Structures are given as structure tokens and as C-alpha cells.
PDB file of N, CA and C in Angstrom:
ATOM      1  N   MET A   1       0.828  -1.184   0.000  1.00  0.00           N
ATOM      2  CA  MET A   1       0.000   0.000   0.000  1.00  0.00           C
ATOM      3  C   MET A   1       0.872   1.248   0.000  1.00  0.00           C
ATOM      4  N   ALA A   2       0.417   2.284  -0.677  1.00  0.00           N
ATOM      5  CA  ALA A   2       1.135   3.550  -0.737  1.00  0.00           C
ATOM      6  C   ALA A   2       0.285   4.617  -0.049  1.00  0.00           C
ATOM      7  N   LYS A   3       0.792   5.110   1.081  1.00  0.00           N
ATOM      8  CA  LYS A   3       0.014   6.060   1.870  1.00  0.00           C
ATOM      9  C   LYS A   3       0.853   7.239   2.328  1.00  0.00           C
ATOM     10  N   ALA A   4       0.174   8.382   2.461  1.00  0.00           N
ATOM     11  CA  ALA A   4       0.784   9.594   3.011  1.00  0.00           C
ATOM     12  C   ALA A   4      -0.072  10.059   4.177  1.00  0.00           C
ATOM     13  N   TYR A   5       0.595  10.596   5.178  1.00  0.00           N
ATOM     14  CA  TYR A   5      -0.082  11.130   6.357  1.00  0.00           C
ATOM     15  C   TYR A   5       0.318  12.598   6.460  1.00  0.00           C
ATOM     16  N   VAL A   6      -0.657  13.493   6.536  1.00  0.00           N
ATOM     17  CA  VAL A   6      -0.395  14.931   6.486  1.00  0.00           C
ATOM     18  C   VAL A   6      -1.011  15.618   7.701  1.00  0.00           C
ATOM     19  N   SER A   7      -0.195  16.406   8.401  1.00  0.00           N
ATOM     20  CA  SER A   7      -0.657  17.271   9.489  1.00  0.00           C
ATOM     21  C   SER A   7      -0.362  18.709   9.091  1.00  0.00           C
ATOM     22  N   GLU A   8      -1.176  19.643   9.569  1.00  0.00           N
ATOM     23  CA  GLU A   8      -1.035  21.049   9.204  1.00  0.00           C
ATOM     24  C   GLU A   8      -0.648  21.892  10.417  1.00  0.00           C
ATOM     25  N   TYR A   9       0.202  22.907  10.171  1.00  0.00           N
ATOM     26  CA  TYR A   9       0.703  23.793  11.225  1.00  0.00           C
ATOM     27  C   TYR A   9       0.647  25.240  10.773  1.00  0.00           C
ATOM     28  N   THR A  10       0.500  26.158  11.731  1.00  0.00           N
ATOM     29  CA  THR A  10       0.598  27.585  11.417  1.00  0.00           C
ATOM     30  C   THR A  10       2.079  27.937  11.259  1.00  0.00           C
ATOM     31  N   LEU A  11       2.346  29.109  10.712  1.00  0.00           N
ATOM     32  CA  LEU A  11       3.735  29.561  10.575  1.00  0.00           C
ATOM     33  C   LEU A  11       4.407  29.681  11.935  1.00  0.00           C
ATOM     34  N   ASP A  12       3.653  30.088  12.956  1.00  0.00           N
ATOM     35  CA  ASP A  12       4.205  30.260  14.302  1.00  0.00           C
ATOM     36  C   ASP A  12       4.520  28.948  15.008  1.00  0.00           C
ATOM     37  N   GLN A  13       3.996  27.840  14.520  1.00  0.00           N
ATOM     38  CA  GLN A  13       4.217  26.556  15.177  1.00  0.00           C
ATOM     39  C   GLN A  13       5.509  25.865  14.740  1.00  0.00           C
ATOM     40  N   ILE A  14       6.172  26.380  13.724  1.00  0.00           N
ATOM     41  CA  ILE A  14       7.400  25.747  13.231  1.00  0.00           C
ATOM     42  C   ILE A  14       8.587  26.579  13.669  1.00  0.00           C
ATOM     43  N   MET A  15       9.526  25.922  14.348  1.00  0.00           N
ATOM     44  CA  MET A  15      10.770  26.551  14.770  1.00  0.00           C
ATOM     45  C   MET A  15      11.922  25.788  14.112  1.00  0.00           C
ATOM     46  N   PHE A  16      13.048  26.441  13.966  1.00  0.00           N
ATOM     47  CA  PHE A  16      14.212  25.796  13.364  1.00  0.00           C
ATOM     48  C   PHE A  16      15.349  25.767  14.365  1.00  0.00           C
ATOM     49  N   GLU A  17      15.928  24.597  14.560  1.00  0.00           N
ATOM     50  CA  GLU A  17      17.106  24.432  15.403  1.00  0.00           C
ATOM     51  C   GLU A  17      18.198  23.817  14.543  1.00  0.00           C
ATOM     52  N   GLY A  18      19.251  24.593  14.311  1.00  0.00           N
ATOM     53  CA  GLY A  18      20.327  24.108  13.449  1.00  0.00           C
ATOM     54  C   GLY A  18      19.855  23.804  12.043  1.00  0.00           C
ATOM     55  N   GLY A  19      18.869  24.545  11.571  1.00  0.00           N
ATOM     56  CA  GLY A  19      18.338  24.337  10.223  1.00  0.00           C
ATOM     57  C   GLY A  19      17.314  23.217  10.133  1.00  0.00           C
ATOM     58  N   VAL A  20      17.032  22.562  11.237  1.00  0.00           N
ATOM     59  CA  VAL A  20      16.078  21.455  11.250  1.00  0.00           C
ATOM     60  C   VAL A  20      14.727  21.960  11.759  1.00  0.00           C
ATOM     61  N   PRO A  21      13.648  21.753  10.978  1.00  0.00           N
ATOM     62  CA  PRO A  21      12.341  22.222  11.435  1.00  0.00           C
ATOM     63  C   PRO A  21      11.788  21.345  12.555  1.00  0.00           C
ATOM     64  N   LEU A  22      11.192  21.998  13.545  1.00  0.00           N
ATOM     65  CA  LEU A  22      10.533  21.309  14.648  1.00  0.00           C
ATOM     66  C   LEU A  22       9.153  21.920  14.821  1.00  0.00           C
ATOM     67  N   ALA A  23       8.162  21.081  14.987  1.00  0.00           N
ATOM     68  CA  ALA A  23       6.788  21.572  15.113  1.00  0.00           C
ATOM     69  C   ALA A  23       6.338  21.612  16.554  1.00  0.00           C
ATOM     70  N   GLN A  24       5.609  22.668  16.882  1.00  0.00           N
ATOM     71  CA  GLN A  24       4.977  22.766  18.188  1.00  0.00           C
ATOM     72  C   GLN A  24       3.631  22.060  18.098  1.00  0.00           C
ATOM     73  N   GLU A  25       3.439  21.087  18.950  1.00  0.00           N
ATOM     74  CA  GLU A  25       2.185  20.330  18.977  1.00  0.00           C
ATOM     75  C   GLU A  25       1.237  20.932  19.997  1.00  0.00           C
ATOM     76  N   PRO A  26      -0.041  20.744  19.865  1.00  0.00           N
ATOM     77  CA  PRO A  26      -0.691  19.924  18.850  1.00  0.00           C
ATOM     78  C   PRO A  26      -0.769  20.647  17.509  1.00  0.00           C
ATOM     79  N   ALA A  27      -0.898  19.871  16.467  1.00  0.00           N
ATOM     80  CA  ALA A  27      -1.016  20.422  15.118  1.00  0.00           C
ATOM     81  C   ALA A  27      -2.299  21.239  15.009  1.00  0.00           C
ATOM     82  N   LEU A  28      -2.275  22.244  14.137  1.00  0.00           N
ATOM     83  CA  LEU A  28      -3.479  23.013  13.834  1.00  0.00           C
ATOM     84  C   LEU A  28      -4.564  22.063  13.319  1.00  0.00           C
ATOM     85  N   VAL A  29      -4.174  21.210  12.363  1.00  0.00           N
ATOM     86  CA  VAL A  29      -5.055  20.176  11.822  1.00  0.00           C
ATOM     87  C   VAL A  29      -4.287  18.862  11.891  1.00  0.00           C
ATOM     88  N   PRO A  30      -4.554  18.043  12.909  1.00  0.00           N
ATOM     89  CA  PRO A  30      -3.841  16.776  13.025  1.00  0.00           C
ATOM     90  C   PRO A  30      -4.219  15.820  11.903  1.00  0.00           C
ATOM     91  N   CYS A  31      -3.333  14.912  11.614  1.00  0.00           N
ATOM     92  CA  CYS A  31      -3.605  13.872  10.620  1.00  0.00           C
ATOM     93  C   CYS A  31      -4.802  13.060  11.099  1.00  0.00           C
ATOM     94  N   THR A  32      -5.800  12.930  10.262  1.00  0.00           N
ATOM     95  CA  THR A  32      -6.991  12.178  10.644  1.00  0.00           C
ATOM     96  C   THR A  32      -7.123  10.863   9.876  1.00  0.00           C
ATOM     97  N   GLY A  33      -6.162  10.570   9.046  1.00  0.00           N
ATOM     98  CA  GLY A  33      -6.193   9.333   8.272  1.00  0.00           C
ATOM     99  C   GLY A  33      -5.234   9.417   7.113  1.00  0.00           C
ATOM    100  N   ALA A  34      -4.984   8.284   6.515  1.00  0.00           N
ATOM    101  CA  ALA A  34      -4.030   8.205   5.416  1.00  0.00           C
ATOM    102  C   ALA A  34      -4.649   8.662   4.102  1.00  0.00           C
ATOM    103  N   ILE A  35      -3.804   9.251   3.262  1.00  0.00           N
ATOM    104  CA  ILE A  35      -4.171   9.530   1.875  1.00  0.00           C
ATOM    105  C   ILE A  35      -3.603   8.366   1.084  1.00  0.00           C
ATOM    106  N   ASP A  36      -4.465   7.511   0.593  1.00  0.00           N
ATOM    107  CA  ASP A  36      -4.059   6.272  -0.077  1.00  0.00           C
ATOM    108  C   ASP A  36      -3.916   6.519  -1.578  1.00  0.00           C
ATOM    109  N   PHE A  37      -2.670   6.443  -2.072  1.00  0.00           N
ATOM    110  CA  PHE A  37      -2.422   6.656  -3.500  1.00  0.00           C
ATOM    111  C   PHE A  37      -1.953   5.366  -4.169  1.00  0.00           C
ATOM    112  N   THR A  38      -2.363   4.223  -3.629  1.00  0.00           N
ATOM    113  CA  THR A  38      -1.998   2.914  -4.165  1.00  0.00           C
ATOM    114  C   THR A  38      -2.496   2.737  -5.596  1.00  0.00           C
ATOM    115  N   SER A  39      -3.708   3.177  -5.864  1.00  0.00           N
ATOM    116  CA  SER A  39      -4.342   2.932  -7.169  1.00  0.00           C
ATOM    117  C   SER A  39      -4.261   4.111  -8.121  1.00  0.00           C
ATOM    118  N   GLY A  40      -3.511   5.141  -7.766  1.00  0.00           N
ATOM    119  CA  GLY A  40      -3.398   6.322  -8.619  1.00  0.00           C
ATOM    120  C   GLY A  40      -3.330   7.575  -7.771  1.00  0.00           C
ATOM    121  N   HIS A  41      -3.450   8.706  -8.419  1.00  0.00           N
ATOM    122  CA  HIS A  41      -3.326   9.994  -7.728  1.00  0.00           C
ATOM    123  C   HIS A  41      -4.421  10.141  -6.674  1.00  0.00           C
ATOM    124  N   ALA A  42      -4.048  10.719  -5.540  1.00  0.00           N
ATOM    125  CA  ALA A  42      -5.004  11.022  -4.475  1.00  0.00           C
ATOM    126  C   ALA A  42      -4.565  12.338  -3.836  1.00  0.00           C
ATOM    127  N   GLU A  43      -5.534  13.104  -3.370  1.00  0.00           N
ATOM    128  CA  GLU A  43      -5.195  14.414  -2.823  1.00  0.00           C
ATOM    129  C   GLU A  43      -5.764  14.613  -1.425  1.00  0.00           C
ATOM    130  N   SER A  44      -5.164  15.566  -0.736  1.00  0.00           N
ATOM    131  CA  SER A  44      -5.593  15.919   0.609  1.00  0.00           C
ATOM    132  C   SER A  44      -6.852  16.761   0.553  1.00  0.00           C
ATOM    133  N   ALA A  45      -7.399  17.024   1.719  1.00  0.00           N
ATOM    134  CA  ALA A  45      -8.451  18.030   1.846  1.00  0.00           C
ATOM    135  C   ALA A  45      -7.804  19.408   1.665  1.00  0.00           C
ATOM    136  N   THR A  46      -8.601  20.418   1.449  1.00  0.00           N
ATOM    137  CA  THR A  46      -8.101  21.794   1.339  1.00  0.00           C
ATOM    138  C   THR A  46      -7.468  22.204   2.663  1.00  0.00           C
ATOM    139  N   PHE A  47      -6.284  22.824   2.588  1.00  0.00           N
ATOM    140  CA  PHE A  47      -5.597  23.258   3.792  1.00  0.00           C
ATOM    141  C   PHE A  47      -6.396  24.355   4.509  1.00  0.00           C
ATOM    142  N   ASN A  48      -6.302  24.345   5.809  1.00  0.00           N
ATOM    143  CA  ASN A  48      -6.942  25.325   6.673  1.00  0.00           C
ATOM    144  C   ASN A  48      -6.478  26.741   6.298  1.00  0.00           C
ATOM    145  N   PRO A  49      -7.322  27.757   6.460  1.00  0.00           N
ATOM    146  CA  PRO A  49      -6.912  29.137   6.155  1.00  0.00           C
ATOM    147  C   PRO A  49      -5.728  29.642   6.976  1.00  0.00           C
ATOM    148  N   LYS A  50      -5.395  28.989   8.090  1.00  0.00           N
ATOM    149  CA  LYS A  50      -4.257  29.393   8.916  1.00  0.00           C
ATOM    150  C   LYS A  50      -3.013  28.537   8.678  1.00  0.00           C
ATOM    151  N   THR A  51      -3.102  27.538   7.813  1.00  0.00           N
ATOM    152  CA  THR A  51      -1.972  26.631   7.575  1.00  0.00           C
ATOM    153  C   THR A  51      -0.854  27.334   6.822  1.00  0.00           C
ATOM    154  N   GLY A  52       0.373  27.143   7.297  1.00  0.00           N
ATOM    155  CA  GLY A  52       1.558  27.674   6.628  1.00  0.00           C
ATOM    156  C   GLY A  52       2.572  26.586   6.325  1.00  0.00           C
ATOM    157  N   TYR A  53       2.521  25.490   7.094  1.00  0.00           N
ATOM    158  CA  TYR A  53       3.407  24.343   6.888  1.00  0.00           C
ATOM    159  C   TYR A  53       2.596  23.073   7.003  1.00  0.00           C
ATOM    160  N   ILE A  54       3.048  22.042   6.284  1.00  0.00           N
ATOM    161  CA  ILE A  54       2.508  20.704   6.483  1.00  0.00           C
ATOM    162  C   ILE A  54       3.659  19.768   6.824  1.00  0.00           C
ATOM    163  N   PHE A  55       3.340  18.727   7.549  1.00  0.00           N
ATOM    164  CA  PHE A  55       4.287  17.659   7.841  1.00  0.00           C
ATOM    165  C   PHE A  55       3.756  16.428   7.138  1.00  0.00           C
ATOM    166  N   ILE A  56       4.604  15.824   6.309  1.00  0.00           N
ATOM    167  CA  ILE A  56       4.225  14.648   5.527  1.00  0.00           C
ATOM    168  C   ILE A  56       5.032  13.458   6.015  1.00  0.00           C
ATOM    169  N   SER A  57       4.352  12.365   6.241  1.00  0.00           N
ATOM    170  CA  SER A  57       4.995  11.097   6.559  1.00  0.00           C
ATOM    171  C   SER A  57       4.544  10.094   5.500  1.00  0.00           C
ATOM    172  N   LEU A  58       5.508   9.436   4.864  1.00  0.00           N
ATOM    173  CA  LEU A  58       5.220   8.527   3.749  1.00  0.00           C
ATOM    174  C   LEU A  58       5.619   7.099   4.069  1.00  0.00           C
ATOM    175  N   ASP A  59       4.897   6.153   3.480  1.00  0.00           N
ATOM    176  CA  ASP A  59       5.331   4.768   3.582  1.00  0.00           C
ATOM    177  C   ASP A  59       5.695   4.189   2.211  1.00  0.00           C
ATOM    178  N   ALA A  60       5.767   5.073   1.190  1.00  0.00           N
ATOM    179  CA  ALA A  60       6.143   4.632  -0.155  1.00  0.00           C
ATOM    180  C   ALA A  60       6.720   5.823  -0.927  1.00  0.00           C
ATOM    181  N   THR A  61       7.539   5.552  -1.921  1.00  0.00           N
ATOM    182  CA  THR A  61       8.088   6.595  -2.783  1.00  0.00           C
ATOM    183  C   THR A  61       6.969   7.136  -3.667  1.00  0.00           C
ATOM    184  N   CYS A  62       6.947   8.445  -3.833  1.00  0.00           N
ATOM    185  CA  CYS A  62       5.875   9.065  -4.612  1.00  0.00           C
ATOM    186  C   CYS A  62       6.375  10.315  -5.322  1.00  0.00           C
ATOM    187  N   SER A  63       5.521  10.853  -6.171  1.00  0.00           N
ATOM    188  CA  SER A  63       5.669  12.198  -6.707  1.00  0.00           C
ATOM    189  C   SER A  63       4.507  13.002  -6.152  1.00  0.00           C
ATOM    190  N   TYR A  64       4.671  14.341  -6.127  1.00  0.00           N
ATOM    191  CA  TYR A  64       3.612  15.161  -5.555  1.00  0.00           C
ATOM    192  C   TYR A  64       3.436  16.448  -6.336  1.00  0.00           C
ATOM    193  N   ALA A  65       2.272  17.043  -6.155  1.00  0.00           N
ATOM    194  CA  ALA A  65       1.965  18.360  -6.712  1.00  0.00           C
ATOM    195  C   ALA A  65       1.145  19.105  -5.667  1.00  0.00           C
ATOM    196  N   VAL A  66       1.334  20.422  -5.609  1.00  0.00           N
ATOM    197  CA  VAL A  66       0.603  21.263  -4.661  1.00  0.00           C
ATOM    198  C   VAL A  66      -0.085  22.367  -5.447  1.00  0.00           C
ATOM    199  N   GLY A  67      -1.314  22.694  -5.072  1.00  0.00           N
ATOM    200  CA  GLY A  67      -2.053  23.764  -5.726  1.00  0.00           C
ATOM    201  C   GLY A  67      -3.512  23.715  -5.343  1.00  0.00           C
ATOM    202  N   THR A  68      -4.337  24.498  -6.040  1.00  0.00           N
ATOM    203  CA  THR A  68      -5.762  24.524  -5.708  1.00  0.00           C
ATOM    204  C   THR A  68      -6.481  23.271  -6.197  1.00  0.00           C
ATOM    205  N   SER A  69      -6.043  22.695  -7.295  1.00  0.00           N
ATOM    206  CA  SER A  69      -6.617  21.443  -7.829  1.00  0.00           C
ATOM    207  C   SER A  69      -5.484  20.583  -8.379  1.00  0.00           C
ATOM    208  N   PRO A  70      -4.568  20.131  -7.525  1.00  0.00           N
ATOM    209  CA  PRO A  70      -3.383  19.434  -8.021  1.00  0.00           C
ATOM    210  C   PRO A  70      -3.676  18.003  -8.469  1.00  0.00           C
ATOM    211  N   VAL A  71      -2.962  17.589  -9.495  1.00  0.00           N
ATOM    212  CA  VAL A  71      -3.004  16.198  -9.947  1.00  0.00           C
ATOM    213  C   VAL A  71      -1.546  15.768 -10.125  1.00  0.00           C
ATOM    214  N   ALA A  72      -1.047  14.994  -9.175  1.00  0.00           N
ATOM    215  CA  ALA A  72       0.345  14.543  -9.244  1.00  0.00           C
ATOM    216  C   ALA A  72       0.517  13.517 -10.358  1.00  0.00           C
ATOM    217  N   THR A  73       1.646  13.615 -11.060  1.00  0.00           N
ATOM    218  CA  THR A  73       2.033  12.621 -12.057  1.00  0.00           C
ATOM    219  C   THR A  73       3.466  12.200 -11.751  1.00  0.00           C
ATOM    220  N   THR A  74       3.916  11.154 -12.364  1.00  0.00           N
ATOM    221  CA  THR A  74       5.282  10.690 -12.131  1.00  0.00           C
ATOM    222  C   THR A  74       6.318  11.658 -12.688  1.00  0.00           C
ATOM    223  N   SER A  75       5.891  12.678 -13.430  1.00  0.00           N
ATOM    224  CA  SER A  75       6.805  13.719 -13.920  1.00  0.00           C
ATOM    225  C   SER A  75       7.058  14.800 -12.877  1.00  0.00           C
ATOM    226  N   ASN A  76       6.236  14.839 -11.813  1.00  0.00           N
ATOM    227  CA  ASN A  76       6.413  15.831 -10.752  1.00  0.00           C
ATOM    228  C   ASN A  76       7.569  15.464  -9.839  1.00  0.00           C
ATOM    229  N   GLN A  77       7.905  16.399  -8.935  1.00  0.00           N
ATOM    230  CA  GLN A  77       8.963  16.190  -7.943  1.00  0.00           C
ATOM    231  C   GLN A  77       8.747  14.867  -7.219  1.00  0.00           C
ATOM    232  N   ARG A  78       9.834  14.131  -7.002  1.00  0.00           N
ATOM    233  CA  ARG A  78       9.775  12.807  -6.377  1.00  0.00           C
ATOM    234  C   ARG A  78      10.203  12.904  -4.912  1.00  0.00           C
ATOM    235  N   LEU A  79       9.506  12.165  -4.047  1.00  0.00           N
ATOM    236  CA  LEU A  79       9.845  12.082  -2.629  1.00  0.00           C
ATOM    237  C   LEU A  79      10.157  10.644  -2.263  1.00  0.00           C
ATOM    238  N   GLN A  80      11.316  10.438  -1.647  1.00  0.00           N
ATOM    239  CA  GLN A  80      11.675   9.117  -1.169  1.00  0.00           C
ATOM    240  C   GLN A  80      11.759   9.069   0.348  1.00  0.00           C
ATOM    241  N   GLY A  81      12.032  10.209   0.954  1.00  0.00           N
ATOM    242  CA  GLY A  81      12.209  10.251   2.395  1.00  0.00           C
ATOM    243  C   GLY A  81      10.923   9.940   3.134  1.00  0.00           C
ATOM    244  N   PRO A  82      11.062   9.377   4.298  1.00  0.00           N
ATOM    245  CA  PRO A  82       9.848   9.023   5.037  1.00  0.00           C
ATOM    246  C   PRO A  82       9.133  10.216   5.649  1.00  0.00           C
ATOM    247  N   GLU A  83       9.840  11.342   5.887  1.00  0.00           N
ATOM    248  CA  GLU A  83       9.214  12.497   6.538  1.00  0.00           C
ATOM    249  C   GLU A  83       9.732  13.807   5.951  1.00  0.00           C
ATOM    250  N   LEU A  84       8.843  14.812   5.903  1.00  0.00           N
ATOM    251  CA  LEU A  84       9.221  16.089   5.312  1.00  0.00           C
ATOM    252  C   LEU A  84       8.287  17.190   5.813  1.00  0.00           C
ATOM    253  N   TYR A  85       8.851  18.350   6.163  1.00  0.00           N
ATOM    254  CA  TYR A  85       8.070  19.561   6.401  1.00  0.00           C
ATOM    255  C   TYR A  85       8.079  20.354   5.108  1.00  0.00           C
ATOM    256  N   MET A  86       6.943  20.971   4.769  1.00  0.00           N
ATOM    257  CA  MET A  86       6.844  21.733   3.534  1.00  0.00           C
ATOM    258  C   MET A  86       6.033  22.997   3.788  1.00  0.00           C
ATOM    259  N   ARG A  87       6.532  24.123   3.308  1.00  0.00           N
ATOM    260  CA  ARG A  87       5.780  25.378   3.401  1.00  0.00           C
ATOM    261  C   ARG A  87       4.744  25.380   2.287  1.00  0.00           C
ATOM    262  N   VAL A  88       3.506  25.747   2.636  1.00  0.00           N
ATOM    263  CA  VAL A  88       2.404  25.737   1.676  1.00  0.00           C
ATOM    264  C   VAL A  88       1.547  26.989   1.850  1.00  0.00           C
ATOM    265  N   ARG A  89       0.660  27.196   0.895  1.00  0.00           N
ATOM    266  CA  ARG A  89      -0.294  28.306   0.973  1.00  0.00           C
ATOM    267  C   ARG A  89      -1.620  27.810   1.553  1.00  0.00           C
ATOM    268  N   PRO A  90      -2.228  28.597   2.419  1.00  0.00           N
ATOM    269  CA  PRO A  90      -3.559  28.237   2.911  1.00  0.00           C
ATOM    270  C   PRO A  90      -4.522  28.062   1.735  1.00  0.00           C
ATOM    271  N   GLY A  91      -5.426  27.106   1.833  1.00  0.00           N
ATOM    272  CA  GLY A  91      -6.413  26.887   0.782  1.00  0.00           C
ATOM    273  C   GLY A  91      -5.960  25.967  -0.325  1.00  0.00           C
ATOM    274  N   ASP A  92      -4.683  25.633  -0.390  1.00  0.00           N
ATOM    275  CA  ASP A  92      -4.196  24.675  -1.387  1.00  0.00           C
ATOM    276  C   ASP A  92      -4.453  23.247  -0.912  1.00  0.00           C
ATOM    277  N   LYS A  93      -4.057  22.284  -1.729  1.00  0.00           N
ATOM    278  CA  LYS A  93      -4.125  20.859  -1.434  1.00  0.00           C
ATOM    279  C   LYS A  93      -2.796  20.250  -1.879  1.00  0.00           C
ATOM    280  N   ILE A  94      -2.526  19.006  -1.457  1.00  0.00           N
ATOM    281  CA  ILE A  94      -1.373  18.270  -1.962  1.00  0.00           C
ATOM    282  C   ILE A  94      -1.879  16.964  -2.550  1.00  0.00           C
ATOM    283  N   SER A  95      -1.320  16.587  -3.681  1.00  0.00           N
ATOM    284  CA  SER A  95      -1.673  15.370  -4.388  1.00  0.00           C
ATOM    285  C   SER A  95      -0.459  14.453  -4.451  1.00  0.00           C
ATOM    286  N   PHE A  96      -0.683  13.160  -4.326  1.00  0.00           N
ATOM    287  CA  PHE A  96       0.383  12.165  -4.374  1.00  0.00           C
ATOM    288  C   PHE A  96       0.064  11.112  -5.438  1.00  0.00           C
ATOM    289  N   VAL A  97       1.129  10.544  -6.013  1.00  0.00           N
ATOM    290  CA  VAL A  97       0.983   9.392  -6.907  1.00  0.00           C
ATOM    291  C   VAL A  97       2.222   8.521  -6.729  1.00  0.00           C
ATOM    292  N   SER A  98       2.055   7.229  -6.793  1.00  0.00           N
ATOM    293  CA  SER A  98       3.172   6.302  -6.619  1.00  0.00           C
ATOM    294  C   SER A  98       4.212   6.521  -7.727  1.00  0.00           C
ATOM    295  N   ASN A  99       5.494   6.455  -7.334  1.00  0.00           N
ATOM    296  CA  ASN A  99       6.580   6.635  -8.309  1.00  0.00           C
ATOM    297  C   ASN A  99       7.788   5.854  -7.829  1.00  0.00           C
ATOM    298  N   THR A 100       7.724   4.535  -7.978  1.00  0.00           N
ATOM    299  CA  THR A 100       8.820   3.678  -7.514  1.00  0.00           C
ATOM    300  C   THR A 100       9.787   3.355  -8.622  1.00  0.00           C
TER     301      THR A 100
END
């Protein structure tokens, strides 16, 4: 199975120590379930109006796209790491697709 787990944070909730991002919990919007992209592209819910960062945890290699109506393809940026913080715009979404 290919799944992504996404939590949302305000800009004020992310601090950097030695260049490493650290989130102040609890998340603005905690992860409420996996985004399953096993069978093709899948996208998150629309980000909260206060969201400035997301934290992504992956269990499979994927490509992603971010925007108001994103559709990830294998031509998009590839993610292999299990965890990543990403700065985003409020109201956008993130889309994932398997890319092994």
C-alpha cells in the first residue's frame, strides 16, 4: 500500500534548530487518516486558512503536486524520504501518486 499522512501547522508553530524544522504540537489540523495513492493519484483536503506548513509522513516513494486542484504525475517532484516539512499556501491541497 502507498500512503501519506499529512498534518497542518501555522507559521508560528514551526521553529528551526540548526536548520532542522521542529513543530509545536498539537497540530493546527492533526492527521486524521491516510491519503491512499496505491491505485493512482489522491489528494488531501483543502488546507486550513491558517496553515503555513505541512508535515508529511510517507510509507512509499511518490511524486507530488501542490495547488488549488493538483493532480500529481510521475513527472512531478519525487519524494523518497519518510518524513518532510513543507511550506504551503492556505487553501491549497497536496496530491500524491506512486513513483517507484
